[in-house]
C-alpha atoms as a PDB file:
ATOM      1  CA  UNK A   1       4.180  -4.346  13.727  1.00  0.00           C
ATOM      2  CA  UNK A   2       6.554  -1.728  12.692  1.00  0.00           C
ATOM      3  CA  UNK A   3       5.980   2.047  13.135  1.00  0.00           C
ATOM      4  CA  UNK A   4       6.015   3.838   9.918  1.00  0.00           C
ATOM      5  CA  UNK A   5       8.554   6.898  10.685  1.00  0.00           C
ATOM      6  CA  UNK A   6       6.943  10.346  10.300  1.00  0.00           C
ATOM      7  CA  UNK A   7       9.585  10.940   7.547  1.00  0.00           C
ATOM      8  CA  UNK A   8       8.672   7.845   5.765  1.00  0.00           C
ATOM      9  CA  UNK A   9       4.773   8.617   6.009  1.00  0.00           C
ATOM     10  CA  UNK A  10       5.133  12.350   4.672  1.00  0.00           C
ATOM     11  CA  UNK A  11       7.350  10.949   1.556  1.00  0.00           C
ATOM     12  CA  UNK A  12       4.675   8.632   0.773  1.00  0.00           C
ATOM     13  CA  UNK A  13       1.960  11.124   1.031  1.00  0.00           C
ATOM     14  CA  UNK A  14       3.853  13.757  -0.999  1.00  0.00           C
ATOM     15  CA  UNK A  15       4.462  11.263  -3.742  1.00  0.00           C
ATOM     16  CA  UNK A  16       0.779  10.787  -3.967  1.00  0.00           C
ATOM     17  CA  UNK A  17       1.103   7.453  -5.502  1.00  0.00           C
ATOM     18  CA  UNK A  18       2.583   3.698  -4.886  1.00  0.00           C
ATOM     19  CA  UNK A  19       2.747   0.299  -6.438  1.00  0.00           C
ATOM     20  CA  UNK A  20       1.488  -2.661  -4.910  1.00  0.00           C
ATOM     21  CA  UNK A  21       2.703  -5.854  -5.852  1.00  0.00           C
ATOM     22  CA  UNK A  22       0.792  -9.415  -5.234  1.00  0.00           C
ATOM     23  CA  UNK A  23       1.012 -12.945  -6.471  1.00  0.00           C
ATOM     24  CA  UNK A  24      -1.723 -15.432  -6.403  1.00  0.00           C
ATOM     25  CA  UNK A  25      -2.093 -19.023  -6.841  1.00  0.00           C
ATOM     26  CA  UNK A  26      -0.333 -19.049 -10.179  1.00  0.00           C
ATOM     27  CA  UNK A  27       2.693 -17.488  -8.850  1.00  0.00           C
ATOM     28  CA  UNK A  28       2.487 -14.700 -11.482  1.00  0.00           C
ATOM     29  CA  UNK A  29       3.373 -11.358 -10.064  1.00  0.00           C
ATOM     30  CA  UNK A  30       0.974  -8.434 -10.436  1.00  0.00           C
ATOM     31  CA  UNK A  31       1.805  -4.822  -9.797  1.00  0.00           C
ATOM     32  CA  UNK A  32      -0.874  -1.801  -9.655  1.00  0.00           C
ATOM     33  CA  UNK A  33      -0.874   1.582  -8.763  1.00  0.00           C
ATOM     34  CA  UNK A  34      -2.696   3.096  -5.823  1.00  0.00           C
ATOM     35  CA  UNK A  35      -3.739   6.892  -5.427  1.00  0.00           C
ATOM     36  CA  UNK A  36      -6.631   6.371  -2.738  1.00  0.00           C
ATOM     37  CA  UNK A  37      -4.669   5.743   0.370  1.00  0.00           C
ATOM     38  CA  UNK A  38      -4.273   6.699   4.029  1.00  0.00           C
ATOM     39  CA  UNK A  39      -0.966   6.145   6.071  1.00  0.00           C
ATOM     40  CA  UNK A  40      -1.331   5.949   9.782  1.00  0.00           C
ATOM     41  CA  UNK A  41       1.157   5.014  12.056  1.00  0.00           C
ATOM     42  CA  UNK A  42       1.654   1.453  11.712  1.00  0.00           C
ATOM     43  CA  UNK A  43      -0.773   0.369   8.699  1.00  0.00           C
ATOM     44  CA  UNK A  44      -1.485   1.523   5.550  1.00  0.00           C
ATOM     45  CA  UNK A  45      -5.031   1.386   3.880  1.00  0.00           C
ATOM     46  CA  UNK A  46      -6.095   1.920   0.361  1.00  0.00           C
ATOM     47  CA  UNK A  47      -9.028   1.489  -1.679  1.00  0.00           C
ATOM     48  CA  UNK A  48     -10.015  -1.230  -4.340  1.00  0.00           C
ATOM     49  CA  UNK A  49     -12.494  -0.222  -6.843  1.00  0.00           C
ATOM     50  CA  UNK A  50     -12.244  -3.324  -8.905  1.00  0.00           C
ATOM     51  CA  UNK A  51     -12.038  -7.030  -8.326  1.00  0.00           C
ATOM     52  CA  UNK A  52      -9.303  -7.820 -10.554  1.00  0.00           C
ATOM     53  CA  UNK A  53      -5.968  -9.582 -10.414  1.00  0.00           C
ATOM     54  CA  UNK A  54      -4.734  -7.772  -7.200  1.00  0.00           C
ATOM     55  CA  UNK A  55      -7.955  -8.519  -5.390  1.00  0.00           C
ATOM     56  CA  UNK A  56      -8.089 -12.196  -6.330  1.00  0.00           C
ATOM     57  CA  UNK A  57      -4.296 -12.638  -5.601  1.00  0.00           C
ATOM     58  CA  UNK A  58      -4.598 -11.071  -2.148  1.00  0.00           C
ATOM     59  CA  UNK A  59      -7.592 -13.445  -1.581  1.00  0.00           C
ATOM     60  CA  UNK A  60      -5.190 -16.252  -2.120  1.00  0.00           C
ATOM     61  CA  UNK A  61      -2.005 -14.733  -0.707  1.00  0.00           C
ATOM     62  CA  UNK A  62      -2.103 -11.962   1.751  1.00  0.00           C
ATOM     63  CA  UNK A  63       1.604 -11.088   1.321  1.00  0.00           C
ATOM     64  CA  UNK A  64       2.179  -8.119  -0.993  1.00  0.00           C
ATOM     65  CA  UNK A  65       4.890  -5.738  -1.364  1.00  0.00           C
ATOM     66  CA  UNK A  66       4.264  -1.709  -1.689  1.00  0.00           C
ATOM     67  CA  UNK A  67       6.840   0.432  -3.314  1.00  0.00           C
ATOM     68  CA  UNK A  68       7.083   4.272  -3.450  1.00  0.00           C
ATOM     69  CA  UNK A  69       9.783   6.343  -5.191  1.00  0.00           C
ATOM     70  CA  UNK A  70      10.871   9.505  -6.145  1.00  0.00           C
ATOM     71  CA  UNK A  71      12.521   9.697  -9.547  1.00  0.00           C
ATOM     72  CA  UNK A  72      14.079  12.774  -9.260  1.00  0.00           C
ATOM     73  CA  UNK A  73      15.700  12.482  -5.948  1.00  0.00           C
ATOM     74  CA  UNK A  74      16.284   8.726  -6.488  1.00  0.00           C
ATOM     75  CA  UNK A  75      14.845   8.017  -3.087  1.00  0.00           C
ATOM     76  CA  UNK A  76      12.122   5.338  -2.157  1.00  0.00           C
ATOM     77  CA  UNK A  77      10.960   2.621   0.086  1.00  0.00           C
ATOM     78  CA  UNK A  78       9.561  -0.846  -0.215  1.00  0.00           C
ATOM     79  CA  UNK A  79       7.271  -2.382   2.372  1.00  0.00           C
ATOM     80  CA  UNK A  80       6.485  -6.108   2.619  1.00  0.00           C
ATOM     81  CA  UNK A  81       3.644  -7.090   4.642  1.00  0.00           C
ATOM     82  CA  UNK A  82       0.179  -8.861   5.076  1.00  0.00           C
ATOM     83  CA  UNK A  83      -3.200  -7.187   4.034  1.00  0.00           C
ATOM     84  CA  UNK A  84      -6.824  -8.114   4.878  1.00  0.00           C
ATOM     85  CA  UNK A  85     -10.053  -6.605   3.885  1.00  0.00           C
ATOM     86  CA  UNK A  86     -11.985  -4.517   6.153  1.00  0.00           C
ATOM     87  CA  UNK A  87     -15.319  -5.892   6.656  1.00  0.00           C
ATOM     88  CA  UNK A  88     -16.791  -4.096   9.758  1.00  0.00           C
ATOM     89  CA  UNK A  89     -19.131  -1.525   7.707  1.00  0.00           C
ATOM     90  CA  UNK A  90     -18.860   1.505  10.126  1.00  0.00           C
ATOM     91  CA  UNK A  91     -14.758   1.151   9.985  1.00  0.00           C
ATOM     92  CA  UNK A  92     -14.910   0.633   6.490  1.00  0.00           C
ATOM     93  CA  UNK A  93     -17.137   3.854   5.614  1.00  0.00           C
ATOM     94  CA  UNK A  94     -14.921   5.828   7.871  1.00  0.00           C
ATOM     95  CA  UNK A  95     -11.802   5.026   6.384  1.00  0.00           C
ATOM     96  CA  UNK A  96     -12.960   5.178   2.849  1.00  0.00           C
ATOM     97  CA  UNK A  97     -14.694   8.490   3.124  1.00  0.00           C
ATOM     98  CA  UNK A  98     -11.447   9.864   5.080  1.00  0.00           C
ATOM     99  CA  UNK A  99      -9.467   8.436   1.897  1.00  0.00           C
ATOM    100  CA  UNK A 100     -11.583   9.838  -0.687  1.00  0.00           C
ATOM    101  CA  UNK A 101     -11.991  13.283   1.061  1.00  0.00           C
ATOM    102  CA  UNK A 102      -7.865  13.563   0.977  1.00  0.00           C
ATOM    103  CA  UNK A 103      -7.587  12.224  -2.412  1.00  0.00           C
ATOM    104  CA  UNK A 104     -10.160  14.770  -4.059  1.00  0.00           C
ATOM    105  CA  UNK A 105      -8.516  17.645  -1.853  1.00  0.00           C
ATOM    106  CA  UNK A 106      -5.204  16.764  -3.877  1.00  0.00           C
ATOM    107  CA  UNK A 107      -6.362  15.589  -7.573  1.00  0.00           C
ATOM    108  CA  UNK A 108      -9.629  17.335  -9.071  1.00  0.00           C
ATOM    109  CA  UNK A 109      -9.466  15.469 -12.304  1.00  0.00           C
ATOM    110  CA  UNK A 110     -12.948  14.278 -13.694  1.00  0.00           C
ATOM    111  CA  UNK A 111     -11.735  10.570 -13.820  1.00  0.00           C
ATOM    112  CA  UNK A 112     -10.657  10.620  -9.985  1.00  0.00           C
ATOM    113  CA  UNK A 113     -13.973  12.263  -9.112  1.00  0.00           C
ATOM    114  CA  UNK A 114     -15.914   9.511 -11.073  1.00  0.00           C
ATOM    115  CA  UNK A 115     -13.888   6.551  -9.593  1.00  0.00           C
ATOM    116  CA  UNK A 116     -14.435   8.115  -6.140  1.00  0.00           C
ATOM    117  CA  UNK A 117     -18.267   7.842  -6.599  1.00  0.00           C
ATOM    118  CA  UNK A 118     -18.300   4.077  -7.122  1.00  0.00           C
ATOM    119  CA  UNK A 119     -20.451   2.547  -4.418  1.00  0.00           C
ATOM    120  CA  UNK A 120     -18.525  -0.868  -4.126  1.00  0.00           C
ATOM    121  CA  UNK A 121     -15.194  -0.294  -2.782  1.00  0.00           C
ATOM    122  CA  UNK A 122     -12.806  -2.696  -0.810  1.00  0.00           C
ATOM    123  CA  UNK A 123     -11.057  -1.060   1.790  1.00  0.00           C
ATOM    124  CA  UNK A 124      -7.758  -2.956   2.209  1.00  0.00           C
ATOM    125  CA  UNK A 125      -5.552  -2.558   5.552  1.00  0.00           C
ATOM    126  CA  UNK A 126      -1.894  -3.347   4.982  1.00  0.00           C
ATOM    127  CA  UNK A 127       0.446  -4.184   7.972  1.00  0.00           C
ATOM    128  CA  UNK A 128       4.086  -3.714   7.063  1.00  0.00           C
ATOM    129  CA  UNK A 129       6.557  -6.270   8.662  1.00  0.00           C
ATOM    130  CA  UNK A 130       9.651  -5.085   6.612  1.00  0.00           C
ATOM    131  CA  UNK A 131      10.843  -1.815   5.309  1.00  0.00           C
ATOM    132  CA  UNK A 132      13.784  -1.337   2.934  1.00  0.00           C
ATOM    133  CA  UNK A 133      15.476   1.766   1.328  1.00  0.00           C
ATOM    134  CA  UNK A 134      15.041   1.800  -2.636  1.00  0.00           C
ATOM    135  CA  UNK A 135      18.078   4.621  -2.470  1.00  0.00           C
ATOM    136  CA  UNK A 136      20.653   3.556  -4.992  1.00  0.00           C
ATOM    137  CA  UNK A 137      23.447   4.859  -2.558  1.00  0.00           C
ATOM    138  CA  UNK A 138      22.126   2.477   0.274  1.00  0.00           C
ATOM    139  CA  UNK A 139      22.158  -1.096   0.855  1.00  0.00           C
ATOM    140  CA  UNK A 140      18.594  -1.982  -0.664  1.00  0.00           C
ATOM    141  CA  UNK A 141      19.065  -5.607   0.701  1.00  0.00           C
ATOM    142  CA  UNK A 142      19.354  -4.535   4.337  1.00  0.00           C
ATOM    143  CA  UNK A 143      15.996  -3.830   6.076  1.00  0.00           C
ATOM    144  CA  UNK A 144      15.411  -0.612   7.884  1.00  0.00           C
ATOM    145  CA  UNK A 145      12.650  -1.484   9.863  1.00  0.00           C
ATOM    146  CA  UNK A 146      11.362  -5.018  10.952  1.00  0.00           C
ATOM    147  CA  UNK A 147       9.231  -6.921  13.157  1.00  0.00           C
ATOM    148  CA  UNK A 148      10.303 -10.245  11.805  1.00  0.00           C
ATOM    149  CA  UNK A 149      13.544 -12.073  11.090  1.00  0.00           C
ATOM    150  CA  UNK A 150      13.295 -11.020   7.447  1.00  0.00           C
ATOM    151  CA  UNK A 151      15.983 -13.634   6.329  1.00  0.00           C
ATOM    152  CA  UNK A 152      13.252 -16.003   7.203  1.00  0.00           C
ATOM    153  CA  UNK A 153      10.307 -14.165   6.052  1.00  0.00           C
ATOM    154  CA  UNK A 154       9.385 -16.069   2.627  1.00  0.00           C
ATOM    155  CA  UNK A 155      11.245 -19.271   3.105  1.00  0.00           C
ATOM    156  CA  UNK A 156       8.689 -22.101   2.985  1.00  0.00           C
END
């Protein structure tokens, strides 16, 4: 498990959104944005309000990619890692409530508020295994943090 550096954690939180890439049994990629999330020292949690493509893909393949980018500074990061669904109800409720509270403090739109009131919500725990820079002036194919041999990561 890699530690998410404070600067990267703050960068993700400042952007307020990241994209999650998944693939399922059909090997067709799916990308979806996330604004309901929490970044801890070595995990990222997010809420899934729908049981659509990402949800089904994660059930079939727990490897996902997260990408966060600032278009003005041309700076960003990509994480690859494993996800799982939090099923312990007290833990799920604590994480869900903390994420909703923080998101509503930053965004007061009616759509966000209505979405946050949904009862059936999945809490997803992402454990990053590899981190890459997406900065165009850096080597984006060289990992900047890993707890695995990234050259072997996705080989069968």
